[in-house]
Amino acid sequence: MKKIILAVLVTTLLSGCVFRSTSHAGKDFDETKATQIVSNKTTEADLLRIMGEPVKKDIVSDHEVKWVYEYVTSNAAVRMFSTKPKVDVTKKALEVLIRDGVVVNHAFTNPGTTVYR
């Protein structure tokens, strides 16, 4: 009986238990709304109504500010007795350049998921 219990215990330990972790950074946003942004027409107030408050605002010059919407998700998994973690990172970002209260340019990037092994 002791051998059976020991065999079950060893099999369970070596079966590949996985430790998982997920983290998020930034603030999720609906990227489909970015199509409503029109350069040289959309105002700062319009942008706030369409996209909400950005994650950060960078002052570019006396007349320009860059609003950044960004969301990053990372999932990590490590198998017991393994030294190689698997990490998946998904990032999307929308950068909007505003001059004197009006959007002059914007860019959305979504490279998809990057897998690190």
PDB file of N, CA and C in Angstrom:
ATOM      1  N   MET A   1       0.825  -1.198   0.000  1.00  0.00           N
ATOM      2  CA  MET A   1       0.000   0.000   0.000  1.00  0.00           C
ATOM      3  C   MET A   1       0.871   1.266   0.000  1.00  0.00           C
ATOM      4  N   LYS A   2       1.966   1.239   0.774  1.00  0.00           N
ATOM      5  CA  LYS A   2       2.858   2.394   0.819  1.00  0.00           C
ATOM      6  C   LYS A   2       3.472   2.671  -0.552  1.00  0.00           C
ATOM      7  N   LYS A   3       3.783   1.595  -1.300  1.00  0.00           N
ATOM      8  CA  LYS A   3       4.371   1.767  -2.627  1.00  0.00           C
ATOM      9  C   LYS A   3       3.371   2.413  -3.587  1.00  0.00           C
ATOM     10  N   ILE A   4       2.107   2.074  -3.472  1.00  0.00           N
ATOM     11  CA  ILE A   4       1.069   2.650  -4.337  1.00  0.00           C
ATOM     12  C   ILE A   4       0.913   4.137  -4.035  1.00  0.00           C
ATOM     13  N   ILE A   5       0.855   4.470  -2.766  1.00  0.00           N
ATOM     14  CA  ILE A   5       0.716   5.881  -2.376  1.00  0.00           C
ATOM     15  C   ILE A   5       1.937   6.670  -2.846  1.00  0.00           C
ATOM     16  N   LEU A   6       3.128   6.102  -2.667  1.00  0.00           N
ATOM     17  CA  LEU A   6       4.347   6.765  -3.110  1.00  0.00           C
ATOM     18  C   LEU A   6       4.349   6.933  -4.631  1.00  0.00           C
ATOM     19  N   ALA A   7       3.920   5.923  -5.357  1.00  0.00           N
ATOM     20  CA  ALA A   7       3.882   5.997  -6.825  1.00  0.00           C
ATOM     21  C   ALA A   7       2.896   7.076  -7.285  1.00  0.00           C
ATOM     22  N   VAL A   8       1.739   7.160  -6.643  1.00  0.00           N
ATOM     23  CA  VAL A   8       0.746   8.184  -6.997  1.00  0.00           C
ATOM     24  C   VAL A   8       1.289   9.572  -6.689  1.00  0.00           C
ATOM     25  N   LEU A   9       1.938   9.711  -5.558  1.00  0.00           N
ATOM     26  CA  LEU A   9       2.512  10.999  -5.168  1.00  0.00           C
ATOM     27  C   LEU A   9       3.605  11.442  -6.141  1.00  0.00           C
ATOM     28  N   VAL A  10       4.509  10.548  -6.495  1.00  0.00           N
ATOM     29  CA  VAL A  10       5.593  10.876  -7.427  1.00  0.00           C
ATOM     30  C   VAL A  10       5.025  11.194  -8.805  1.00  0.00           C
ATOM     31  N   THR A  11       4.061  10.424  -9.265  1.00  0.00           N
ATOM     32  CA  THR A  11       3.436  10.674 -10.566  1.00  0.00           C
ATOM     33  C   THR A  11       2.758  12.036 -10.589  1.00  0.00           C
ATOM     34  N   THR A  12       2.087  12.382  -9.523  1.00  0.00           N
ATOM     35  CA  THR A  12       1.417  13.679  -9.443  1.00  0.00           C
ATOM     36  C   THR A  12       2.432  14.811  -9.483  1.00  0.00           C
ATOM     37  N   LEU A  13       3.516  14.676  -8.751  1.00  0.00           N
ATOM     38  CA  LEU A  13       4.533  15.720  -8.722  1.00  0.00           C
ATOM     39  C   LEU A  13       5.234  15.896 -10.060  1.00  0.00           C
ATOM     40  N   LEU A  14       5.438  14.831 -10.772  1.00  0.00           N
ATOM     41  CA  LEU A  14       6.162  14.882 -12.030  1.00  0.00           C
ATOM     42  C   LEU A  14       5.249  15.042 -13.245  1.00  0.00           C
ATOM     43  N   SER A  15       3.962  15.118 -13.031  1.00  0.00           N
ATOM     44  CA  SER A  15       3.021  15.164 -14.154  1.00  0.00           C
ATOM     45  C   SER A  15       3.003  16.498 -14.879  1.00  0.00           C
ATOM     46  N   GLY A  16       3.690  17.465 -14.379  1.00  0.00           N
ATOM     47  CA  GLY A  16       3.750  18.740 -15.085  1.00  0.00           C
ATOM     48  C   GLY A  16       2.831  19.789 -14.507  1.00  0.00           C
ATOM     49  N   CYS A  17       2.831  19.943 -13.224  1.00  0.00           N
ATOM     50  CA  CYS A  17       2.052  21.017 -12.616  1.00  0.00           C
ATOM     51  C   CYS A  17       2.516  22.339 -13.217  1.00  0.00           C
ATOM     52  N   VAL A  18       1.571  23.218 -13.447  1.00  0.00           N
ATOM     53  CA  VAL A  18       1.884  24.485 -14.099  1.00  0.00           C
ATOM     54  C   VAL A  18       1.486  25.637 -13.188  1.00  0.00           C
ATOM     55  N   PHE A  19       2.412  26.574 -13.028  1.00  0.00           N
ATOM     56  CA  PHE A  19       2.116  27.797 -12.304  1.00  0.00           C
ATOM     57  C   PHE A  19       1.799  28.866 -13.338  1.00  0.00           C
ATOM     58  N   ARG A  20       0.679  29.565 -13.169  1.00  0.00           N
ATOM     59  CA  ARG A  20       0.252  30.575 -14.137  1.00  0.00           C
ATOM     60  C   ARG A  20       0.102  31.935 -13.463  1.00  0.00           C
ATOM     61  N   SER A  21       0.382  32.961 -14.261  1.00  0.00           N
ATOM     62  CA  SER A  21       0.238  34.325 -13.779  1.00  0.00           C
ATOM     63  C   SER A  21      -0.229  35.207 -14.928  1.00  0.00           C
ATOM     64  N   THR A  22      -1.139  36.121 -14.635  1.00  0.00           N
ATOM     65  CA  THR A  22      -1.626  37.069 -15.630  1.00  0.00           C
ATOM     66  C   THR A  22      -1.538  38.469 -15.050  1.00  0.00           C
ATOM     67  N   SER A  23      -1.064  39.407 -15.876  1.00  0.00           N
ATOM     68  CA  SER A  23      -1.023  40.792 -15.419  1.00  0.00           C
ATOM     69  C   SER A  23      -1.504  41.713 -16.535  1.00  0.00           C
ATOM     70  N   HIS A  24      -1.995  42.862 -16.136  1.00  0.00           N
ATOM     71  CA  HIS A  24      -2.519  43.857 -17.059  1.00  0.00           C
ATOM     72  C   HIS A  24      -1.883  45.207 -16.730  1.00  0.00           C
ATOM     73  N   ALA A  25      -1.621  45.990 -17.763  1.00  0.00           N
ATOM     74  CA  ALA A  25      -1.096  47.343 -17.570  1.00  0.00           C
ATOM     75  C   ALA A  25      -1.842  48.284 -18.504  1.00  0.00           C
ATOM     76  N   GLY A  26      -2.035  49.494 -18.055  1.00  0.00           N
ATOM     77  CA  GLY A  26      -2.775  50.464 -18.845  1.00  0.00           C
ATOM     78  C   GLY A  26      -4.262  50.355 -18.605  1.00  0.00           C
ATOM     79  N   LYS A  27      -5.028  50.796 -19.587  1.00  0.00           N
ATOM     80  CA  LYS A  27      -6.490  50.795 -19.485  1.00  0.00           C
ATOM     81  C   LYS A  27      -7.046  50.286 -20.808  1.00  0.00           C
ATOM     82  N   ASP A  28      -7.878  49.255 -20.748  1.00  0.00           N
ATOM     83  CA  ASP A  28      -8.426  48.688 -21.977  1.00  0.00           C
ATOM     84  C   ASP A  28      -9.323  49.716 -22.664  1.00  0.00           C
ATOM     85  N   PHE A  29      -9.316  49.693 -23.990  1.00  0.00           N
ATOM     86  CA  PHE A  29     -10.139  50.623 -24.762  1.00  0.00           C
ATOM     87  C   PHE A  29     -10.668  49.918 -26.008  1.00  0.00           C
ATOM     88  N   ASP A  30     -11.757  50.443 -26.538  1.00  0.00           N
ATOM     89  CA  ASP A  30     -12.383  49.881 -27.728  1.00  0.00           C
ATOM     90  C   ASP A  30     -11.716  50.474 -28.966  1.00  0.00           C
ATOM     91  N   GLU A  31     -10.833  49.688 -29.589  1.00  0.00           N
ATOM     92  CA  GLU A  31     -10.086  50.202 -30.735  1.00  0.00           C
ATOM     93  C   GLU A  31     -10.952  50.493 -31.957  1.00  0.00           C
ATOM     94  N   THR A  32     -12.142  49.903 -32.022  1.00  0.00           N
ATOM     95  CA  THR A  32     -13.027  50.169 -33.163  1.00  0.00           C
ATOM     96  C   THR A  32     -13.521  51.618 -33.158  1.00  0.00           C
ATOM     97  N   LYS A  33     -13.509  52.258 -32.005  1.00  0.00           N
ATOM     98  CA  LYS A  33     -13.927  53.664 -31.920  1.00  0.00           C
ATOM     99  C   LYS A  33     -12.902  54.614 -32.526  1.00  0.00           C
ATOM    100  N   ALA A  34     -11.685  54.139 -32.729  1.00  0.00           N
ATOM    101  CA  ALA A  34     -10.639  54.989 -33.302  1.00  0.00           C
ATOM    102  C   ALA A  34     -11.001  55.433 -34.719  1.00  0.00           C
ATOM    103  N   THR A  35     -11.863  54.704 -35.392  1.00  0.00           N
ATOM    104  CA  THR A  35     -12.281  55.090 -36.745  1.00  0.00           C
ATOM    105  C   THR A  35     -13.109  56.369 -36.736  1.00  0.00           C
ATOM    106  N   GLN A  36     -13.632  56.759 -35.579  1.00  0.00           N
ATOM    107  CA  GLN A  36     -14.419  57.990 -35.458  1.00  0.00           C
ATOM    108  C   GLN A  36     -13.537  59.236 -35.341  1.00  0.00           C
ATOM    109  N   ILE A  37     -12.244  59.041 -35.150  1.00  0.00           N
ATOM    110  CA  ILE A  37     -11.322  60.170 -35.014  1.00  0.00           C
ATOM    111  C   ILE A  37     -10.936  60.652 -36.410  1.00  0.00           C
ATOM    112  N   VAL A  38     -11.146  61.940 -36.659  1.00  0.00           N
ATOM    113  CA  VAL A  38     -10.827  62.530 -37.961  1.00  0.00           C
ATOM    114  C   VAL A  38      -9.796  63.645 -37.755  1.00  0.00           C
ATOM    115  N   SER A  39      -8.647  63.494 -38.410  1.00  0.00           N
ATOM    116  CA  SER A  39      -7.594  64.506 -38.291  1.00  0.00           C
ATOM    117  C   SER A  39      -8.091  65.856 -38.790  1.00  0.00           C
ATOM    118  N   ASN A  40      -7.673  66.912 -38.092  1.00  0.00           N
ATOM    119  CA  ASN A  40      -8.025  68.306 -38.389  1.00  0.00           C
ATOM    120  C   ASN A  40      -9.511  68.614 -38.226  1.00  0.00           C
ATOM    121  N   LYS A  41     -10.249  67.709 -37.593  1.00  0.00           N
ATOM    122  CA  LYS A  41     -11.673  67.949 -37.343  1.00  0.00           C
ATOM    123  C   LYS A  41     -12.072  67.601 -35.905  1.00  0.00           C
ATOM    124  N   THR A  42     -11.626  66.438 -35.408  1.00  0.00           N
ATOM    125  CA  THR A  42     -11.989  65.987 -34.065  1.00  0.00           C
ATOM    126  C   THR A  42     -11.328  66.884 -33.025  1.00  0.00           C
ATOM    127  N   THR A  43     -12.133  67.381 -32.085  1.00  0.00           N
ATOM    128  CA  THR A  43     -11.591  68.241 -31.034  1.00  0.00           C
ATOM    129  C   THR A  43     -11.189  67.399 -29.830  1.00  0.00           C
ATOM    130  N   GLU A  44     -10.496  68.035 -28.903  1.00  0.00           N
ATOM    131  CA  GLU A  44     -10.098  67.376 -27.662  1.00  0.00           C
ATOM    132  C   GLU A  44     -11.332  66.872 -26.908  1.00  0.00           C
ATOM    133  N   ALA A  45     -12.394  67.687 -26.883  1.00  0.00           N
ATOM    134  CA  ALA A  45     -13.638  67.296 -26.208  1.00  0.00           C
ATOM    135  C   ALA A  45     -14.282  66.104 -26.913  1.00  0.00           C
ATOM    136  N   ASP A  46     -14.252  66.111 -28.260  1.00  0.00           N
ATOM    137  CA  ASP A  46     -14.780  64.973 -29.025  1.00  0.00           C
ATOM    138  C   ASP A  46     -14.015  63.704 -28.688  1.00  0.00           C
ATOM    139  N   LEU A  47     -12.686  63.822 -28.651  1.00  0.00           N
ATOM    140  CA  LEU A  47     -11.827  62.670 -28.362  1.00  0.00           C
ATOM    141  C   LEU A  47     -12.124  62.111 -26.979  1.00  0.00           C
ATOM    142  N   LEU A  48     -12.303  62.982 -26.018  1.00  0.00           N
ATOM    143  CA  LEU A  48     -12.628  62.555 -24.661  1.00  0.00           C
ATOM    144  C   LEU A  48     -13.967  61.817 -24.630  1.00  0.00           C
ATOM    145  N   ARG A  49     -14.931  62.304 -25.396  1.00  0.00           N
ATOM    146  CA  ARG A  49     -16.245  61.658 -25.477  1.00  0.00           C
ATOM    147  C   ARG A  49     -16.153  60.302 -26.185  1.00  0.00           C
ATOM    148  N   ILE A  50     -15.357  60.233 -27.245  1.00  0.00           N
ATOM    149  CA  ILE A  50     -15.244  58.996 -28.034  1.00  0.00           C
ATOM    150  C   ILE A  50     -14.444  57.922 -27.306  1.00  0.00           C
ATOM    151  N   MET A  51     -13.255  58.283 -26.833  1.00  0.00           N
ATOM    152  CA  MET A  51     -12.318  57.296 -26.291  1.00  0.00           C
ATOM    153  C   MET A  51     -12.213  57.283 -24.763  1.00  0.00           C
ATOM    154  N   GLY A  52     -12.648  58.346 -24.128  1.00  0.00           N
ATOM    155  CA  GLY A  52     -12.479  58.429 -22.684  1.00  0.00           C
ATOM    156  C   GLY A  52     -11.131  59.027 -22.330  1.00  0.00           C
ATOM    157  N   GLU A  53     -10.823  59.005 -21.057  1.00  0.00           N
ATOM    158  CA  GLU A  53      -9.567  59.581 -20.556  1.00  0.00           C
ATOM    159  C   GLU A  53      -8.392  58.693 -20.974  1.00  0.00           C
ATOM    160  N   PRO A  54      -7.305  59.270 -21.489  1.00  0.00           N
ATOM    161  CA  PRO A  54      -6.144  58.466 -21.885  1.00  0.00           C
ATOM    162  C   PRO A  54      -5.345  57.991 -20.675  1.00  0.00           C
ATOM    163  N   VAL A  55      -4.458  57.040 -20.920  1.00  0.00           N
ATOM    164  CA  VAL A  55      -3.567  56.548 -19.875  1.00  0.00           C
ATOM    165  C   VAL A  55      -2.566  57.624 -19.495  1.00  0.00           C
ATOM    166  N   LYS A  56      -2.077  58.360 -20.509  1.00  0.00           N
ATOM    167  CA  LYS A  56      -1.150  59.449 -20.214  1.00  0.00           C
ATOM    168  C   LYS A  56      -1.263  60.540 -21.268  1.00  0.00           C
ATOM    169  N   LYS A  57      -0.836  61.737 -20.851  1.00  0.00           N
ATOM    170  CA  LYS A  57      -0.793  62.895 -21.735  1.00  0.00           C
ATOM    171  C   LYS A  57       0.633  63.443 -21.695  1.00  0.00           C
ATOM    172  N   ASP A  58       1.276  63.474 -22.858  1.00  0.00           N
ATOM    173  CA  ASP A  58       2.642  63.985 -22.955  1.00  0.00           C
ATOM    174  C   ASP A  58       2.625  65.348 -23.624  1.00  0.00           C
ATOM    175  N   ILE A  59       3.245  66.319 -22.991  1.00  0.00           N
ATOM    176  CA  ILE A  59       3.360  67.644 -23.595  1.00  0.00           C
ATOM    177  C   ILE A  59       4.490  67.591 -24.615  1.00  0.00           C
ATOM    178  N   VAL A  60       4.158  67.923 -25.867  1.00  0.00           N
ATOM    179  CA  VAL A  60       5.132  67.895 -26.953  1.00  0.00           C
ATOM    180  C   VAL A  60       5.737  69.281 -27.151  1.00  0.00           C
ATOM    181  N   SER A  61       4.900  70.307 -27.126  1.00  0.00           N
ATOM    182  CA  SER A  61       5.364  71.696 -27.271  1.00  0.00           C
ATOM    183  C   SER A  61       4.323  72.609 -26.620  1.00  0.00           C
ATOM    184  N   ASP A  62       4.494  73.911 -26.789  1.00  0.00           N
ATOM    185  CA  ASP A  62       3.541  74.872 -26.215  1.00  0.00           C
ATOM    186  C   ASP A  62       2.127  74.680 -26.764  1.00  0.00           C
ATOM    187  N   HIS A  63       2.030  74.168 -27.987  1.00  0.00           N
ATOM    188  CA  HIS A  63       0.722  74.049 -28.643  1.00  0.00           C
ATOM    189  C   HIS A  63       0.304  72.601 -28.886  1.00  0.00           C
ATOM    190  N   GLU A  64       1.177  71.647 -28.569  1.00  0.00           N
ATOM    191  CA  GLU A  64       0.870  70.249 -28.888  1.00  0.00           C
ATOM    192  C   GLU A  64       0.951  69.356 -27.656  1.00  0.00           C
ATOM    193  N   VAL A  65       0.040  68.392 -27.618  1.00  0.00           N
ATOM    194  CA  VAL A  65       0.032  67.376 -26.572  1.00  0.00           C
ATOM    195  C   VAL A  65      -0.293  66.033 -27.225  1.00  0.00           C
ATOM    196  N   LYS A  66       0.317  64.976 -26.715  1.00  0.00           N
ATOM    197  CA  LYS A  66       0.056  63.633 -27.243  1.00  0.00           C
ATOM    198  C   LYS A  66      -0.702  62.839 -26.188  1.00  0.00           C
ATOM    199  N   TRP A  67      -1.878  62.349 -26.572  1.00  0.00           N
ATOM    200  CA  TRP A  67      -2.656  61.481 -25.696  1.00  0.00           C
ATOM    201  C   TRP A  67      -2.344  60.042 -26.074  1.00  0.00           C
ATOM    202  N   VAL A  68      -2.124  59.205 -25.058  1.00  0.00           N
ATOM    203  CA  VAL A  68      -1.780  57.810 -25.293  1.00  0.00           C
ATOM    204  C   VAL A  68      -2.800  56.907 -24.597  1.00  0.00           C
ATOM    205  N   TYR A  69      -3.389  56.037 -25.399  1.00  0.00           N
ATOM    206  CA  TYR A  69      -4.261  54.971 -24.902  1.00  0.00           C
ATOM    207  C   TYR A  69      -3.485  53.685 -25.108  1.00  0.00           C
ATOM    208  N   GLU A  70      -3.317  52.903 -24.044  1.00  0.00           N
ATOM    209  CA  GLU A  70      -2.484  51.710 -24.151  1.00  0.00           C
ATOM    210  C   GLU A  70      -2.988  50.631 -23.208  1.00  0.00           C
ATOM    211  N   TYR A  71      -2.921  49.385 -23.689  1.00  0.00           N
ATOM    212  CA  TYR A  71      -3.321  48.252 -22.866  1.00  0.00           C
ATOM    213  C   TYR A  71      -2.403  47.073 -23.170  1.00  0.00           C
ATOM    214  N   VAL A  72      -1.822  46.500 -22.126  1.00  0.00           N
ATOM    215  CA  VAL A  72      -0.913  45.367 -22.265  1.00  0.00           C
ATOM    216  C   VAL A  72      -1.385  44.246 -21.343  1.00  0.00           C
ATOM    217  N   THR A  73      -1.449  43.039 -21.885  1.00  0.00           N
ATOM    218  CA  THR A  73      -1.779  41.848 -21.100  1.00  0.00           C
ATOM    219  C   THR A  73      -0.645  40.851 -21.260  1.00  0.00           C
ATOM    220  N   SER A  74      -0.189  40.282 -20.154  1.00  0.00           N
ATOM    221  CA  SER A  74       0.833  39.243 -20.248  1.00  0.00           C
ATOM    222  C   SER A  74       0.404  38.036 -19.428  1.00  0.00           C
ATOM    223  N   ASN A  75       0.607  36.885 -20.028  1.00  0.00           N
ATOM    224  CA  ASN A  75       0.303  35.609 -19.386  1.00  0.00           C
ATOM    225  C   ASN A  75       1.596  34.808 -19.319  1.00  0.00           C
ATOM    226  N   ALA A  76       1.916  34.322 -18.142  1.00  0.00           N
ATOM    227  CA  ALA A  76       3.131  33.523 -17.971  1.00  0.00           C
ATOM    228  C   ALA A  76       2.754  32.162 -17.410  1.00  0.00           C
ATOM    229  N   ALA A  77       3.438  31.149 -17.900  1.00  0.00           N
ATOM    230  CA  ALA A  77       3.217  29.788 -17.408  1.00  0.00           C
ATOM    231  C   ALA A  77       4.577  29.097 -17.278  1.00  0.00           C
ATOM    232  N   VAL A  78       4.781  28.461 -16.136  1.00  0.00           N
ATOM    233  CA  VAL A  78       6.021  27.735 -15.899  1.00  0.00           C
ATOM    234  C   VAL A  78       5.660  26.345 -15.399  1.00  0.00           C
ATOM    235  N   ARG A  79       6.187  25.340 -16.081  1.00  0.00           N
ATOM    236  CA  ARG A  79       5.970  23.958 -15.647  1.00  0.00           C
ATOM    237  C   ARG A  79       6.929  23.641 -14.500  1.00  0.00           C
ATOM    238  N   MET A  80       6.429  22.877 -13.576  1.00  0.00           N
ATOM    239  CA  MET A  80       7.266  22.457 -12.457  1.00  0.00           C
ATOM    240  C   MET A  80       8.463  21.689 -12.999  1.00  0.00           C
ATOM    241  N   PHE A  81       9.613  21.914 -12.449  1.00  0.00           N
ATOM    242  CA  PHE A  81      10.876  21.288 -12.827  1.00  0.00           C
ATOM    243  C   PHE A  81      11.350  21.726 -14.216  1.00  0.00           C
ATOM    244  N   SER A  82      10.869  22.862 -14.694  1.00  0.00           N
ATOM    245  CA  SER A  82      11.315  23.386 -15.983  1.00  0.00           C
ATOM    246  C   SER A  82      11.944  24.757 -15.762  1.00  0.00           C
ATOM    247  N   THR A  83      12.934  25.062 -16.561  1.00  0.00           N
ATOM    248  CA  THR A  83      13.569  26.374 -16.450  1.00  0.00           C
ATOM    249  C   THR A  83      13.113  27.309 -17.565  1.00  0.00           C
ATOM    250  N   LYS A  84      12.213  26.851 -18.436  1.00  0.00           N
ATOM    251  CA  LYS A  84      11.756  27.654 -19.565  1.00  0.00           C
ATOM    252  C   LYS A  84      10.308  28.102 -19.371  1.00  0.00           C
ATOM    253  N   PRO A  85      10.118  29.339 -18.960  1.00  0.00           N
ATOM    254  CA  PRO A  85       8.740  29.834 -18.863  1.00  0.00           C
ATOM    255  C   PRO A  85       8.201  30.169 -20.250  1.00  0.00           C
ATOM    256  N   LYS A  86       6.899  30.131 -20.385  1.00  0.00           N
ATOM    257  CA  LYS A  86       6.238  30.556 -21.613  1.00  0.00           C
ATOM    258  C   LYS A  86       5.492  31.842 -21.267  1.00  0.00           C
ATOM    259  N   VAL A  87       5.775  32.906 -22.006  1.00  0.00           N
ATOM    260  CA  VAL A  87       5.150  34.196 -21.740  1.00  0.00           C
ATOM    261  C   VAL A  87       4.516  34.709 -23.025  1.00  0.00           C
ATOM    262  N   ASP A  88       3.238  35.063 -22.952  1.00  0.00           N
ATOM    263  CA  ASP A  88       2.513  35.663 -24.071  1.00  0.00           C
ATOM    264  C   ASP A  88       2.205  37.112 -23.699  1.00  0.00           C
ATOM    265  N   VAL A  89       2.569  38.042 -24.570  1.00  0.00           N
ATOM    266  CA  VAL A  89       2.316  39.457 -24.325  1.00  0.00           C
ATOM    267  C   VAL A  89       1.483  40.017 -25.471  1.00  0.00           C
ATOM    268  N   THR A  90       0.364  40.651 -25.129  1.00  0.00           N
ATOM    269  CA  THR A  90      -0.499  41.289 -26.114  1.00  0.00           C
ATOM    270  C   THR A  90      -0.559  42.772 -25.797  1.00  0.00           C
ATOM    271  N   LYS A  91      -0.317  43.594 -26.819  1.00  0.00           N
ATOM    272  CA  LYS A  91      -0.293  45.039 -26.605  1.00  0.00           C
ATOM    273  C   LYS A  91      -1.072  45.729 -27.714  1.00  0.00           C
ATOM    274  N   LYS A  92      -1.797  46.764 -27.325  1.00  0.00           N
ATOM    275  CA  LYS A  92      -2.424  47.642 -28.315  1.00  0.00           C
ATOM    276  C   LYS A  92      -2.276  49.066 -27.817  1.00  0.00           C
ATOM    277  N   ALA A  93      -2.095  49.987 -28.766  1.00  0.00           N
ATOM    278  CA  ALA A  93      -1.871  51.381 -28.387  1.00  0.00           C
ATOM    279  C   ALA A  93      -2.482  52.307 -29.433  1.00  0.00           C
ATOM    280  N   LEU A  94      -2.999  53.427 -28.940  1.00  0.00           N
ATOM    281  CA  LEU A  94      -3.501  54.491 -29.792  1.00  0.00           C
ATOM    282  C   LEU A  94      -2.822  55.770 -29.327  1.00  0.00           C
ATOM    283  N   GLU A  95      -2.099  56.420 -30.237  1.00  0.00           N
ATOM    284  CA  GLU A  95      -1.433  57.685 -29.931  1.00  0.00           C
ATOM    285  C   GLU A  95      -2.097  58.771 -30.759  1.00  0.00           C
ATOM    286  N   VAL A  96      -2.483  59.857 -30.084  1.00  0.00           N
ATOM    287  CA  VAL A  96      -3.202  60.946 -30.744  1.00  0.00           C
ATOM    288  C   VAL A  96      -2.455  62.255 -30.486  1.00  0.00           C
ATOM    289  N   LEU A  97      -2.085  62.933 -31.563  1.00  0.00           N
ATOM    290  CA  LEU A  97      -1.407  64.221 -31.449  1.00  0.00           C
ATOM    291  C   LEU A  97      -2.444  65.329 -31.599  1.00  0.00           C
ATOM    292  N   ILE A  98      -2.487  66.208 -30.599  1.00  0.00           N
ATOM    293  CA  ILE A  98      -3.462  67.299 -30.571  1.00  0.00           C
ATOM    294  C   ILE A  98      -2.701  68.626 -30.614  1.00  0.00           C
ATOM    295  N   ARG A  99      -3.096  69.504 -31.543  1.00  0.00           N
ATOM    296  CA  ARG A  99      -2.485  70.834 -31.650  1.00  0.00           C
ATOM    297  C   ARG A  99      -3.582  71.884 -31.488  1.00  0.00           C
ATOM    298  N   ASP A 100      -3.409  72.736 -30.495  1.00  0.00           N
ATOM    299  CA  ASP A 100      -4.381  73.799 -30.212  1.00  0.00           C
ATOM    300  C   ASP A 100      -5.810  73.260 -30.085  1.00  0.00           C
ATOM    301  N   GLY A 101      -5.943  72.103 -29.420  1.00  0.00           N
ATOM    302  CA  GLY A 101      -7.258  71.548 -29.118  1.00  0.00           C
ATOM    303  C   GLY A 101      -7.896  70.721 -30.215  1.00  0.00           C
ATOM    304  N   VAL A 102      -7.177  70.501 -31.339  1.00  0.00           N
ATOM    305  CA  VAL A 102      -7.725  69.726 -32.458  1.00  0.00           C
ATOM    306  C   VAL A 102      -6.753  68.605 -32.822  1.00  0.00           C
ATOM    307  N   VAL A 103      -7.284  67.406 -33.070  1.00  0.00           N
ATOM    308  CA  VAL A 103      -6.467  66.258 -33.454  1.00  0.00           C
ATOM    309  C   VAL A 103      -5.827  66.534 -34.816  1.00  0.00           C
ATOM    310  N   VAL A 104      -4.496  66.395 -34.889  1.00  0.00           N
ATOM    311  CA  VAL A 104      -3.812  66.574 -36.172  1.00  0.00           C
ATOM    312  C   VAL A 104      -3.302  65.252 -36.747  1.00  0.00           C
ATOM    313  N   ASN A 105      -3.129  64.255 -35.878  1.00  0.00           N
ATOM    314  CA  ASN A 105      -2.669  62.956 -36.351  1.00  0.00           C
ATOM    315  C   ASN A 105      -2.958  61.909 -35.283  1.00  0.00           C
ATOM    316  N   HIS A 106      -3.152  60.674 -35.709  1.00  0.00           N
ATOM    317  CA  HIS A 106      -3.343  59.580 -34.754  1.00  0.00           C
ATOM    318  C   HIS A 106      -2.881  58.274 -35.388  1.00  0.00           C
ATOM    319  N   ALA A 107      -2.436  57.350 -34.540  1.00  0.00           N
ATOM    320  CA  ALA A 107      -1.942  56.062 -35.018  1.00  0.00           C
ATOM    321  C   ALA A 107      -2.335  54.966 -34.036  1.00  0.00           C
ATOM    322  N   PHE A 108      -2.906  53.899 -34.569  1.00  0.00           N
ATOM    323  CA  PHE A 108      -3.273  52.728 -33.766  1.00  0.00           C
ATOM    324  C   PHE A 108      -2.330  51.592 -34.126  1.00  0.00           C
ATOM    325  N   THR A 109      -1.751  50.957 -33.115  1.00  0.00           N
ATOM    326  CA  THR A 109      -0.893  49.796 -33.345  1.00  0.00           C
ATOM    327  C   THR A 109      -1.402  48.627 -32.516  1.00  0.00           C
ATOM    328  N   ASN A 110      -1.433  47.484 -33.167  1.00  0.00           N
ATOM    329  CA  ASN A 110      -1.850  46.255 -32.499  1.00  0.00           C
ATOM    330  C   ASN A 110      -1.047  45.118 -33.124  1.00  0.00           C
ATOM    331  N   PRO A 111       0.168  44.905 -32.624  1.00  0.00           N
ATOM    332  CA  PRO A 111       1.010  43.877 -33.234  1.00  0.00           C
ATOM    333  C   PRO A 111       0.553  42.452 -32.939  1.00  0.00           C
ATOM    334  N   GLY A 112      -0.498  42.304 -32.158  1.00  0.00           N
ATOM    335  CA  GLY A 112      -0.974  40.956 -31.816  1.00  0.00           C
ATOM    336  C   GLY A 112      -0.253  40.435 -30.588  1.00  0.00           C
ATOM    337  N   THR A 113      -0.158  39.123 -30.514  1.00  0.00           N
ATOM    338  CA  THR A 113       0.463  38.478 -29.355  1.00  0.00           C
ATOM    339  C   THR A 113       1.879  38.052 -29.691  1.00  0.00           C
ATOM    340  N   THR A 114       2.804  38.407 -28.827  1.00  0.00           N
ATOM    341  CA  THR A 114       4.181  37.985 -28.951  1.00  0.00           C
ATOM    342  C   THR A 114       4.412  36.863 -27.945  1.00  0.00           C
ATOM    343  N   VAL A 115       4.965  35.761 -28.417  1.00  0.00           N
ATOM    344  CA  VAL A 115       5.206  34.596 -27.553  1.00  0.00           C
ATOM    345  C   VAL A 115       6.686  34.487 -27.274  1.00  0.00           C
ATOM    346  N   TYR A 116       7.017  34.439 -25.995  1.00  0.00           N
ATOM    347  CA  TYR A 116       8.400  34.243 -25.562  1.00  0.00           C
ATOM    348  C   TYR A 116       8.489  32.863 -24.917  1.00  0.00           C
ATOM    349  N   ARG A 117       9.471  32.094 -25.348  1.00  0.00           N
ATOM    350  CA  ARG A 117       9.654  30.743 -24.781  1.00  0.00           C
ATOM    351  C   ARG A 117      11.078  30.555 -24.366  1.00  0.00           C
TER     352      ARG A 117
END
